[in-house]
């Protein structure tokens, strides 16, 4: 998961301690392994994978009754495929949410756009070489013209989106997290229309973790 996948509110355990599921870096893993001491025959990547799976198993064990519809944000913003990215950026800044479902006229989810997707907008002549190279690579992946104007949301969105149902309980959400590696999802109703956005941390809060 990327840092963008950690948007949402921190949960709070019964004893008042804050606890949120967040991505950990290689540096975090090295530091933790050093504190444990002794000989650990494990790589930082293995350490992070073990952490994620152990956390999800614990969450699933402790929270089987909460539904996605009970923890989702109904007011979370959405966009359409023809929304200019400058407007997407403005809405992300206004709301502080770096994840937006892309919907059609019937509110069916077509894909999602995250902050990291804006890398495709880095101009080929950008003076920061690393960003320019990454931007070029992302545009090639998306099949966009290197000289094209700033693309629309539909040009850079991830599709199809991984969604969860409004009546899905925590175990089904945890399964979606395991399959996708994501920590936030568009929530759809029985007709397949967008009902809200679920952030994993908000689910944790409802589960009293």
Protein backbone atom coordinates (compact mmCIF):
# COMPACT_ATOMS: atom_id res chain seq x y z
CA UNK A 1 0.00 0.00 0.00
CA UNK A 2 1.04 3.55 -0.54
CA UNK A 3 0.85 6.40 1.94
CA UNK A 4 -2.15 7.62 -0.02
CA UNK A 5 -4.02 4.57 1.14
CA UNK A 6 -4.00 5.69 4.78
CA UNK A 7 -6.45 8.59 4.54
CA UNK A 8 -9.12 8.56 7.21
CA UNK A 9 -9.37 8.98 10.96
CA UNK A 10 -7.28 7.07 13.47
CA UNK A 11 -9.07 4.46 15.54
CA UNK A 12 -8.90 4.43 19.34
CA UNK A 13 -8.51 1.35 21.48
CA UNK A 14 -10.59 0.89 24.66
CA UNK A 15 -7.64 2.05 26.80
CA UNK A 16 -7.47 5.32 24.88
CA UNK A 17 -4.37 4.57 22.81
CA UNK A 18 -4.48 5.64 19.20
CA UNK A 19 -3.93 2.81 16.74
CA UNK A 20 -4.16 3.09 12.96
CA UNK A 21 -3.29 0.74 10.15
CA UNK A 22 -0.63 2.54 8.13
CA UNK A 23 1.95 1.55 5.59
CA UNK A 24 5.45 1.03 7.00
CA UNK A 25 8.62 1.80 5.09
CA UNK A 26 11.78 -0.30 4.76
CA UNK A 27 13.40 2.09 7.24
CA UNK A 28 10.61 1.39 9.74
CA UNK A 29 11.11 -2.34 9.29
CA UNK A 30 14.90 -2.09 9.75
CA UNK A 31 14.45 -0.02 12.92
CA UNK A 32 11.93 -2.47 14.38
CA UNK A 33 14.11 -5.47 13.56
CA UNK A 34 17.10 -3.76 15.19
CA UNK A 35 15.13 -3.13 18.38
CA UNK A 36 14.08 -6.78 18.61
CA UNK A 37 17.72 -7.81 18.59
CA UNK A 38 19.19 -11.26 18.03
CA UNK A 39 19.22 -12.96 14.65
CA UNK A 40 16.13 -12.56 12.48
CA UNK A 41 16.24 -14.52 9.23
CA UNK A 42 13.73 -12.25 7.54
CA UNK A 43 13.85 -9.41 5.03
CA UNK A 44 12.18 -6.02 5.57
CA UNK A 45 9.72 -6.97 2.84
CA UNK A 46 8.82 -10.18 4.68
CA UNK A 47 8.50 -8.21 7.90
CA UNK A 48 6.03 -5.75 6.35
CA UNK A 49 4.03 -8.55 4.73
CA UNK A 50 3.81 -10.40 8.04
CA UNK A 51 2.73 -7.21 9.81
CA UNK A 52 -0.04 -6.54 7.32
CA UNK A 53 -1.45 -10.06 7.39
CA UNK A 54 -1.25 -10.32 11.18
CA UNK A 55 -3.03 -6.98 11.55
CA UNK A 56 -5.81 -7.94 9.16
CA UNK A 57 -6.34 -11.29 10.89
CA UNK A 58 -6.60 -9.51 14.25
CA UNK A 59 -9.05 -6.97 12.86
CA UNK A 60 -11.19 -9.68 11.29
CA UNK A 61 -11.21 -11.70 14.51
CA UNK A 62 -12.27 -8.72 16.62
CA UNK A 63 -14.80 -7.08 14.33
CA UNK A 64 -17.18 -9.32 12.43
CA UNK A 65 -20.45 -7.40 12.88
CA UNK A 66 -19.73 -3.93 11.46
CA UNK A 67 -21.01 -3.29 7.93
CA UNK A 68 -19.34 -1.08 5.33
CA UNK A 69 -22.43 1.12 5.19
CA UNK A 70 -22.14 1.86 8.90
CA UNK A 71 -18.54 3.08 8.68
CA UNK A 72 -18.43 4.73 5.25
CA UNK A 73 -18.31 8.46 4.55
CA UNK A 74 -21.49 9.30 2.64
CA UNK A 75 -20.30 12.85 1.98
CA UNK A 76 -16.96 11.87 0.43
CA UNK A 77 -16.53 13.59 -2.96
CA UNK A 78 -16.71 11.88 -6.33
CA UNK A 79 -15.90 13.02 -9.86
CA UNK A 80 -16.82 12.16 -13.43
CA UNK A 81 -14.52 10.89 -16.16
CA UNK A 82 -14.56 14.28 -17.92
CA UNK A 83 -13.53 16.27 -14.83
CA UNK A 84 -10.32 18.24 -15.60
CA UNK A 85 -7.47 17.23 -13.32
CA UNK A 86 -7.01 20.82 -12.17
CA UNK A 87 -10.53 20.59 -10.71
CA UNK A 88 -9.76 17.19 -9.19
CA UNK A 89 -6.70 18.71 -7.50
CA UNK A 90 -8.80 21.59 -6.18
CA UNK A 91 -11.38 19.22 -4.70
CA UNK A 92 -8.68 17.09 -3.07
CA UNK A 93 -7.19 20.25 -1.55
CA UNK A 94 -10.59 21.52 -0.41
CA UNK A 95 -11.61 18.24 1.22
CA UNK A 96 -8.25 16.87 2.31
CA UNK A 97 -9.19 13.54 0.71
CA UNK A 98 -6.70 12.13 -1.80
CA UNK A 99 -9.00 9.43 -3.15
CA UNK A 100 -11.99 10.00 -5.40
CA UNK A 101 -14.27 7.53 -7.16
CA UNK A 102 -15.00 8.27 -10.82
CA UNK A 103 -18.68 7.76 -11.60
CA UNK A 104 -20.99 7.87 -14.62
CA UNK A 105 -24.36 9.62 -14.96
CA UNK A 106 -26.08 6.78 -13.04
CA UNK A 107 -23.49 7.02 -10.21
CA UNK A 108 -21.95 3.68 -11.15
CA UNK A 109 -18.25 3.49 -10.32
CA UNK A 110 -15.93 3.54 -13.33
CA UNK A 111 -12.61 3.82 -11.50
CA UNK A 112 -10.72 5.83 -8.89
CA UNK A 113 -8.18 8.64 -8.92
CA UNK A 114 -5.61 9.12 -6.14
CA UNK A 115 -2.98 11.76 -5.44
CA UNK A 116 -0.26 9.51 -6.83
CA UNK A 117 -2.02 9.40 -10.21
CA UNK A 118 -1.07 13.03 -10.76
CA UNK A 119 2.46 11.89 -11.62
CA UNK A 120 1.25 11.49 -15.21
CA UNK A 121 0.85 15.27 -15.31
CA UNK A 122 4.56 15.95 -14.78
CA UNK A 123 5.65 17.69 -17.96
CA UNK A 124 8.33 16.02 -20.16
CA UNK A 125 10.49 19.14 -19.73
CA UNK A 126 10.14 19.28 -15.95
CA UNK A 127 13.40 20.46 -14.37
CA UNK A 128 13.37 17.69 -11.75
CA UNK A 129 14.81 14.73 -13.63
CA UNK A 130 13.47 11.99 -11.34
CA UNK A 131 9.93 13.36 -11.43
CA UNK A 132 10.13 13.85 -15.18
CA UNK A 133 11.22 10.25 -15.74
CA UNK A 134 8.50 8.90 -13.46
CA UNK A 135 5.92 11.11 -15.13
CA UNK A 136 7.00 9.91 -18.58
CA UNK A 137 6.80 6.28 -17.45
CA UNK A 138 3.31 6.74 -16.00
CA UNK A 139 2.08 8.43 -19.18
CA UNK A 140 3.47 5.55 -21.25
CA UNK A 141 1.67 3.08 -18.96
CA UNK A 142 -1.58 4.98 -19.48
CA UNK A 143 -1.02 5.28 -23.24
CA UNK A 144 -1.14 9.09 -23.12
CA UNK A 145 0.49 11.41 -25.64
CA UNK A 146 3.70 12.81 -24.12
CA UNK A 147 2.83 16.25 -25.46
CA UNK A 148 -0.84 16.15 -24.55
CA UNK A 149 -2.50 18.78 -22.42
CA UNK A 150 -3.35 18.00 -18.80
CA UNK A 151 -5.52 14.88 -18.99
CA UNK A 152 -8.99 14.37 -17.59
CA UNK A 153 -9.86 12.13 -14.66
CA UNK A 154 -10.90 9.35 -17.02
CA UNK A 155 -7.46 9.40 -18.66
CA UNK A 156 -5.54 8.54 -15.50
CA UNK A 157 -8.03 6.68 -13.29
CA UNK A 158 -7.44 3.15 -12.06
CA UNK A 159 -10.09 0.92 -13.60
CA UNK A 160 -11.93 -1.18 -12.81
CA UNK A 161 -12.21 0.01 -9.22
CA UNK A 162 -12.16 -2.43 -6.33
CA UNK A 163 -15.45 -1.85 -4.49
CA UNK A 164 -17.22 -3.20 -1.43
CA UNK A 165 -20.96 -3.58 -0.93
CA UNK A 166 -22.89 -1.40 1.48
CA UNK A 167 -24.00 -4.50 3.42
CA UNK A 168 -20.57 -6.20 3.41
CA UNK A 169 -19.43 -7.04 6.94
CA UNK A 170 -15.88 -6.54 8.18
CA UNK A 171 -14.59 -9.97 7.03
CA UNK A 172 -15.61 -9.20 3.43
CA UNK A 173 -13.88 -5.82 3.65
CA UNK A 174 -10.76 -7.49 5.03
CA UNK A 175 -10.82 -9.89 2.10
CA UNK A 176 -10.92 -6.91 -0.28
CA UNK A 177 -7.95 -5.38 1.55
CA UNK A 178 -5.96 -8.61 1.20
CA UNK A 179 -6.79 -9.02 -2.49
CA UNK A 180 -6.14 -5.43 -3.52
CA UNK A 181 -3.65 -4.07 -1.01
CA UNK A 182 -5.89 -0.99 -0.70
CA UNK A 183 -7.12 0.67 2.48
CA UNK A 184 -10.05 2.63 1.03
CA UNK A 185 -12.87 1.64 -1.27
CA UNK A 186 -15.91 3.02 -3.07
CA UNK A 187 -19.01 1.53 -1.41
CA UNK A 188 -21.83 0.53 -3.75
CA UNK A 189 -25.50 -0.14 -3.05
CA UNK A 190 -27.59 -3.08 -4.24
CA UNK A 191 -28.04 -1.41 -7.65
CA UNK A 192 -24.28 -0.89 -8.05
CA UNK A 193 -24.43 2.87 -7.47
CA UNK A 194 -21.91 4.78 -5.37
CA UNK A 195 -23.14 5.14 -1.79
CA UNK A 196 -20.00 6.46 -0.11
CA UNK A 197 -16.31 5.84 0.50
CA UNK A 198 -14.94 3.49 3.15
CA UNK A 199 -11.59 4.21 4.79
CA UNK A 200 -10.05 1.31 6.68
CA UNK A 201 -9.23 3.53 9.66
CA UNK A 202 -12.89 4.52 9.95
CA UNK A 203 -13.88 0.85 9.98
CA UNK A 204 -11.34 0.29 12.74
CA UNK A 205 -12.85 3.15 14.73
CA UNK A 206 -16.31 1.60 14.53
CA UNK A 207 -14.76 -1.68 15.66
CA UNK A 208 -13.29 0.10 18.72
CA UNK A 209 -9.72 -0.68 17.70
